[in-house]
Amino acid sequence: MVDLADIRAATEGLPRSYEVLVRDRIKFRVGKIVYLSVAPDEKSMGIGFPKEERDAIIVAQPDKFFRPRPSDERYQWIQVQLAAIDEDELRELVLDAWAMCVPKRVRTEYLGPS
């Protein structure tokens, strides 16, 4: 199980990433784009995720992933149960979501060529 401290550790040092508090939710942004949002109870998080892959991963791993609220389904977004993932999975999810938000040059400088 991961917690808020693990999330903060996973986002620490990511170029252009910063933390904000918006209506009882801790969010991580690149510019004005939110790529991760922690639920007020800190039991789940919403995270940037390719919309075209969302249904497949929810069906494959329903214990970990679930649909965002209907108003967020138009975005590249998915919900994650924090109790169901470990630190390695968290780090991978965070990096993928962050990479969707930053310019390609920033992503390449940080992660290397893909």
N, C-alpha and C. Protein backbone atom coordinates (compact mmCIF):
# COMPACT_ATOMS: atom_id res chain seq x y z
N MET A 1 0.84 -1.18 0.00
CA MET A 1 0.00 0.00 0.00
C MET A 1 0.88 1.24 0.00
N VAL A 2 0.48 2.22 -0.79
CA VAL A 2 1.20 3.49 -0.82
C VAL A 2 0.36 4.56 -0.14
N ASP A 3 1.02 5.62 0.26
CA ASP A 3 0.32 6.71 0.92
C ASP A 3 0.79 8.05 0.35
N LEU A 4 0.33 9.13 0.95
CA LEU A 4 0.65 10.46 0.45
C LEU A 4 2.15 10.72 0.46
N ALA A 5 2.85 10.24 1.46
CA ALA A 5 4.30 10.42 1.51
C ALA A 5 4.98 9.74 0.31
N ASP A 6 4.49 8.57 -0.07
CA ASP A 6 5.04 7.87 -1.24
C ASP A 6 4.74 8.64 -2.52
N ILE A 7 3.54 9.20 -2.60
CA ILE A 7 3.18 10.00 -3.78
C ILE A 7 4.09 11.21 -3.88
N ARG A 8 4.28 11.89 -2.77
CA ARG A 8 5.17 13.06 -2.78
C ARG A 8 6.59 12.67 -3.18
N ALA A 9 7.06 11.53 -2.70
CA ALA A 9 8.40 11.05 -3.06
C ALA A 9 8.49 10.74 -4.56
N ALA A 10 7.43 10.16 -5.10
CA ALA A 10 7.42 9.81 -6.53
C ALA A 10 7.39 11.04 -7.43
N THR A 11 6.80 12.13 -6.95
CA THR A 11 6.71 13.34 -7.77
C THR A 11 7.89 14.29 -7.54
N GLU A 12 8.61 14.07 -6.46
CA GLU A 12 9.72 14.95 -6.12
C GLU A 12 10.78 14.96 -7.22
N GLY A 13 11.18 16.13 -7.61
CA GLY A 13 12.23 16.27 -8.60
C GLY A 13 11.78 16.21 -10.04
N LEU A 14 10.49 15.95 -10.29
CA LEU A 14 10.02 15.94 -11.67
C LEU A 14 9.99 17.38 -12.18
N PRO A 15 10.67 17.64 -13.28
CA PRO A 15 10.71 19.00 -13.80
C PRO A 15 9.32 19.58 -14.04
N ARG A 16 9.15 20.81 -13.64
CA ARG A 16 7.92 21.59 -13.82
C ARG A 16 6.74 21.10 -13.00
N SER A 17 6.93 20.11 -12.15
CA SER A 17 5.84 19.58 -11.32
C SER A 17 5.78 20.34 -10.00
N TYR A 18 4.56 20.61 -9.56
CA TYR A 18 4.39 21.25 -8.25
C TYR A 18 3.07 20.81 -7.63
N GLU A 19 2.99 20.94 -6.31
CA GLU A 19 1.84 20.51 -5.53
C GLU A 19 0.97 21.71 -5.16
N VAL A 20 -0.35 21.52 -5.22
CA VAL A 20 -1.30 22.55 -4.79
C VAL A 20 -2.43 21.88 -3.99
N LEU A 21 -3.12 22.68 -3.20
CA LEU A 21 -4.30 22.22 -2.48
C LEU A 21 -5.50 22.95 -3.06
N VAL A 22 -6.46 22.18 -3.60
CA VAL A 22 -7.67 22.74 -4.21
C VAL A 22 -8.87 22.02 -3.62
N ARG A 23 -9.70 22.74 -2.89
CA ARG A 23 -10.92 22.19 -2.29
C ARG A 23 -10.69 20.83 -1.63
N ASP A 24 -9.83 20.77 -0.66
CA ASP A 24 -9.53 19.56 0.11
C ASP A 24 -8.84 18.46 -0.68
N ARG A 25 -8.36 18.74 -1.85
CA ARG A 25 -7.65 17.75 -2.65
C ARG A 25 -6.23 18.22 -2.91
N ILE A 26 -5.30 17.33 -2.67
CA ILE A 26 -3.91 17.61 -3.01
C ILE A 26 -3.75 17.22 -4.47
N LYS A 27 -3.26 18.17 -5.26
CA LYS A 27 -3.09 17.93 -6.69
C LYS A 27 -1.66 18.24 -7.09
N PHE A 28 -1.22 17.54 -8.11
CA PHE A 28 0.10 17.77 -8.67
C PHE A 28 -0.09 18.23 -10.11
N ARG A 29 0.60 19.30 -10.45
CA ARG A 29 0.40 19.94 -11.75
C ARG A 29 1.73 20.12 -12.48
N VAL A 30 1.57 20.28 -13.78
CA VAL A 30 2.60 20.81 -14.66
C VAL A 30 1.93 22.00 -15.31
N GLY A 31 2.40 23.19 -15.00
CA GLY A 31 1.69 24.38 -15.46
C GLY A 31 0.31 24.39 -14.83
N LYS A 32 -0.72 24.49 -15.64
CA LYS A 32 -2.09 24.44 -15.12
C LYS A 32 -2.74 23.08 -15.30
N ILE A 33 -1.99 22.13 -15.85
CA ILE A 33 -2.52 20.78 -16.12
C ILE A 33 -2.32 19.90 -14.89
N VAL A 34 -3.41 19.35 -14.38
CA VAL A 34 -3.35 18.42 -13.25
C VAL A 34 -3.06 17.04 -13.81
N TYR A 35 -2.01 16.40 -13.27
CA TYR A 35 -1.72 15.03 -13.71
C TYR A 35 -1.94 14.01 -12.59
N LEU A 36 -2.19 14.48 -11.36
CA LEU A 36 -2.46 13.58 -10.26
C LEU A 36 -3.27 14.33 -9.20
N SER A 37 -4.29 13.67 -8.68
CA SER A 37 -5.13 14.27 -7.64
C SER A 37 -5.44 13.22 -6.59
N VAL A 38 -5.12 13.53 -5.35
CA VAL A 38 -5.35 12.60 -4.25
C VAL A 38 -6.72 12.89 -3.64
N ALA A 39 -7.51 11.84 -3.42
CA ALA A 39 -8.83 11.99 -2.80
C ALA A 39 -8.67 12.55 -1.39
N PRO A 40 -9.67 13.29 -0.91
CA PRO A 40 -9.59 13.84 0.45
C PRO A 40 -9.33 12.79 1.55
N ASP A 41 -9.85 11.58 1.37
CA ASP A 41 -9.61 10.52 2.37
C ASP A 41 -8.27 9.81 2.16
N GLU A 42 -7.55 10.17 1.11
CA GLU A 42 -6.23 9.62 0.77
C GLU A 42 -6.24 8.11 0.54
N LYS A 43 -7.38 7.57 0.13
CA LYS A 43 -7.48 6.14 -0.17
C LYS A 43 -7.38 5.85 -1.66
N SER A 44 -7.56 6.88 -2.48
CA SER A 44 -7.46 6.71 -3.93
C SER A 44 -6.87 7.97 -4.53
N MET A 45 -6.53 7.86 -5.80
CA MET A 45 -6.04 9.02 -6.52
C MET A 45 -6.53 8.94 -7.95
N GLY A 46 -6.71 10.10 -8.54
CA GLY A 46 -6.97 10.18 -9.97
C GLY A 46 -5.65 10.53 -10.62
N ILE A 47 -5.42 9.97 -11.79
CA ILE A 47 -4.14 10.19 -12.44
C ILE A 47 -4.31 10.20 -13.95
N GLY A 48 -3.48 10.99 -14.61
CA GLY A 48 -3.52 11.02 -16.07
C GLY A 48 -3.23 9.64 -16.62
N PHE A 49 -4.04 9.24 -17.60
CA PHE A 49 -3.93 7.90 -18.17
C PHE A 49 -4.57 7.94 -19.54
N PRO A 50 -3.98 7.27 -20.55
CA PRO A 50 -4.55 7.31 -21.90
C PRO A 50 -6.00 6.81 -21.92
N LYS A 51 -6.88 7.64 -22.43
CA LYS A 51 -8.31 7.33 -22.45
C LYS A 51 -8.59 6.04 -23.23
N GLU A 52 -7.86 5.81 -24.31
CA GLU A 52 -8.11 4.63 -25.15
C GLU A 52 -7.69 3.33 -24.46
N GLU A 53 -6.91 3.39 -23.39
CA GLU A 53 -6.48 2.20 -22.66
C GLU A 53 -7.25 2.00 -21.35
N ARG A 54 -8.05 2.97 -20.98
CA ARG A 54 -8.73 2.96 -19.68
C ARG A 54 -9.64 1.74 -19.49
N ASP A 55 -10.54 1.47 -20.42
CA ASP A 55 -11.48 0.37 -20.25
C ASP A 55 -10.77 -0.97 -20.10
N ALA A 56 -9.72 -1.18 -20.89
CA ALA A 56 -9.00 -2.46 -20.85
C ALA A 56 -8.33 -2.70 -19.50
N ILE A 57 -7.71 -1.67 -18.93
CA ILE A 57 -7.03 -1.87 -17.65
C ILE A 57 -8.03 -2.02 -16.50
N ILE A 58 -9.18 -1.36 -16.59
CA ILE A 58 -10.20 -1.51 -15.56
C ILE A 58 -10.75 -2.93 -15.55
N VAL A 59 -10.97 -3.48 -16.74
CA VAL A 59 -11.45 -4.87 -16.85
C VAL A 59 -10.37 -5.84 -16.38
N ALA A 60 -9.11 -5.58 -16.75
CA ALA A 60 -8.02 -6.49 -16.40
C ALA A 60 -7.65 -6.45 -14.92
N GLN A 61 -7.77 -5.26 -14.29
CA GLN A 61 -7.35 -5.11 -12.90
C GLN A 61 -8.36 -4.27 -12.11
N PRO A 62 -9.58 -4.80 -11.94
CA PRO A 62 -10.62 -4.01 -11.25
C PRO A 62 -10.35 -3.77 -9.77
N ASP A 63 -9.44 -4.53 -9.19
CA ASP A 63 -9.07 -4.30 -7.79
C ASP A 63 -8.19 -3.06 -7.63
N LYS A 64 -7.54 -2.63 -8.71
CA LYS A 64 -6.64 -1.47 -8.66
C LYS A 64 -7.24 -0.22 -9.28
N PHE A 65 -7.93 -0.38 -10.40
CA PHE A 65 -8.36 0.77 -11.19
C PHE A 65 -9.88 0.84 -11.28
N PHE A 66 -10.39 2.07 -11.32
CA PHE A 66 -11.82 2.27 -11.54
C PHE A 66 -12.05 3.56 -12.31
N ARG A 67 -13.26 3.67 -12.84
CA ARG A 67 -13.60 4.80 -13.71
C ARG A 67 -13.63 6.11 -12.93
N PRO A 68 -13.25 7.18 -13.60
CA PRO A 68 -13.42 8.49 -12.97
C PRO A 68 -14.90 8.85 -12.94
N ARG A 69 -15.25 9.86 -12.18
CA ARG A 69 -16.65 10.30 -12.17
C ARG A 69 -17.04 10.70 -13.58
N PRO A 70 -18.31 10.60 -13.92
CA PRO A 70 -18.76 10.85 -15.29
C PRO A 70 -18.27 12.18 -15.90
N SER A 71 -18.20 13.22 -15.10
CA SER A 71 -17.75 14.51 -15.65
C SER A 71 -16.27 14.50 -16.03
N ASP A 72 -15.50 13.54 -15.52
CA ASP A 72 -14.07 13.45 -15.85
C ASP A 72 -13.76 12.40 -16.91
N GLU A 73 -14.76 11.66 -17.36
CA GLU A 73 -14.49 10.60 -18.34
C GLU A 73 -14.05 11.14 -19.69
N ARG A 74 -14.31 12.40 -19.97
CA ARG A 74 -13.88 12.97 -21.25
C ARG A 74 -12.38 13.25 -21.26
N TYR A 75 -11.77 13.23 -20.08
CA TYR A 75 -10.33 13.49 -19.98
C TYR A 75 -9.54 12.18 -19.98
N GLN A 76 -8.25 12.32 -20.18
CA GLN A 76 -7.35 11.18 -20.07
C GLN A 76 -7.07 10.97 -18.59
N TRP A 77 -7.91 10.19 -17.94
CA TRP A 77 -7.93 10.11 -16.48
C TRP A 77 -8.42 8.75 -16.03
N ILE A 78 -7.88 8.26 -14.93
CA ILE A 78 -8.33 7.01 -14.33
C ILE A 78 -8.16 7.14 -12.81
N GLN A 79 -8.92 6.36 -12.06
CA GLN A 79 -8.83 6.35 -10.60
C GLN A 79 -8.07 5.10 -10.16
N VAL A 80 -7.32 5.22 -9.08
CA VAL A 80 -6.48 4.13 -8.59
C VAL A 80 -6.69 3.95 -7.09
N GLN A 81 -6.90 2.71 -6.67
CA GLN A 81 -6.98 2.38 -5.24
C GLN A 81 -5.55 2.33 -4.69
N LEU A 82 -5.21 3.20 -3.76
CA LEU A 82 -3.84 3.24 -3.26
C LEU A 82 -3.45 1.98 -2.49
N ALA A 83 -4.41 1.32 -1.85
CA ALA A 83 -4.12 0.10 -1.10
C ALA A 83 -3.73 -1.06 -2.02
N ALA A 84 -4.03 -0.95 -3.30
CA ALA A 84 -3.81 -2.06 -4.23
C ALA A 84 -2.53 -1.95 -5.03
N ILE A 85 -1.76 -0.87 -4.86
CA ILE A 85 -0.53 -0.72 -5.63
C ILE A 85 0.67 -0.59 -4.70
N ASP A 86 1.85 -0.91 -5.25
CA ASP A 86 3.08 -0.75 -4.47
C ASP A 86 3.86 0.46 -5.00
N GLU A 87 4.99 0.72 -4.39
CA GLU A 87 5.77 1.91 -4.75
C GLU A 87 6.26 1.88 -6.20
N ASP A 88 6.62 0.71 -6.70
CA ASP A 88 7.08 0.61 -8.09
C ASP A 88 5.95 0.95 -9.07
N GLU A 89 4.76 0.41 -8.81
CA GLU A 89 3.61 0.72 -9.66
C GLU A 89 3.26 2.20 -9.58
N LEU A 90 3.32 2.75 -8.38
CA LEU A 90 3.06 4.18 -8.20
C LEU A 90 4.03 5.00 -9.02
N ARG A 91 5.29 4.71 -8.91
CA ARG A 91 6.32 5.48 -9.64
C ARG A 91 6.06 5.41 -11.15
N GLU A 92 5.73 4.24 -11.65
CA GLU A 92 5.45 4.09 -13.08
C GLU A 92 4.22 4.89 -13.51
N LEU A 93 3.16 4.83 -12.72
CA LEU A 93 1.95 5.60 -13.03
C LEU A 93 2.23 7.10 -13.01
N VAL A 94 2.97 7.55 -11.99
CA VAL A 94 3.29 8.97 -11.87
C VAL A 94 4.14 9.44 -13.05
N LEU A 95 5.16 8.69 -13.38
CA LEU A 95 6.02 9.09 -14.51
C LEU A 95 5.25 9.15 -15.82
N ASP A 96 4.39 8.16 -16.05
CA ASP A 96 3.60 8.15 -17.28
C ASP A 96 2.64 9.34 -17.34
N ALA A 97 1.99 9.64 -16.23
CA ALA A 97 1.05 10.77 -16.19
C ALA A 97 1.78 12.09 -16.37
N TRP A 98 2.90 12.25 -15.68
CA TRP A 98 3.71 13.46 -15.80
C TRP A 98 4.19 13.64 -17.24
N ALA A 99 4.65 12.54 -17.85
CA ALA A 99 5.17 12.60 -19.22
C ALA A 99 4.11 13.02 -20.23
N MET A 100 2.85 12.76 -19.92
CA MET A 100 1.77 13.18 -20.82
C MET A 100 1.58 14.70 -20.80
N CYS A 101 2.08 15.38 -19.77
CA CYS A 101 1.81 16.80 -19.57
C CYS A 101 2.96 17.73 -19.94
N VAL A 102 4.17 17.23 -19.91
CA VAL A 102 5.31 18.11 -20.17
C VAL A 102 5.68 18.11 -21.65
N PRO A 103 6.34 19.16 -22.09
CA PRO A 103 6.82 19.17 -23.47
C PRO A 103 7.78 18.01 -23.73
N LYS A 104 7.82 17.56 -24.96
CA LYS A 104 8.64 16.41 -25.33
C LYS A 104 10.10 16.62 -24.96
N ARG A 105 10.60 17.82 -25.13
CA ARG A 105 12.00 18.12 -24.81
C ARG A 105 12.28 17.90 -23.33
N VAL A 106 11.37 18.35 -22.46
CA VAL A 106 11.53 18.18 -21.02
C VAL A 106 11.49 16.70 -20.66
N ARG A 107 10.55 15.98 -21.24
CA ARG A 107 10.41 14.54 -21.00
C ARG A 107 11.69 13.81 -21.41
N THR A 108 12.23 14.14 -22.58
CA THR A 108 13.43 13.48 -23.09
C THR A 108 14.64 13.81 -22.22
N GLU A 109 14.75 15.06 -21.79
CA GLU A 109 15.88 15.44 -20.92
C GLU A 109 15.84 14.67 -19.61
N TYR A 110 14.67 14.42 -19.08
CA TYR A 110 14.54 13.74 -17.79
C TYR A 110 14.62 12.22 -17.92
N LEU A 111 13.91 11.66 -18.88
CA LEU A 111 13.81 10.20 -19.02
C LEU A 111 14.79 9.61 -20.03
N GLY A 112 15.35 10.45 -20.88
CA GLY A 112 16.21 9.96 -21.96
C GLY A 112 15.37 9.67 -23.19
N PRO A 113 16.03 9.43 -24.32
CA PRO A 113 15.27 9.14 -25.55
C PRO A 113 14.48 7.84 -25.43
N SER A 114 13.28 7.83 -26.02
CA SER A 114 12.45 6.63 -25.91
C SER A 114 12.64 5.70 -27.07
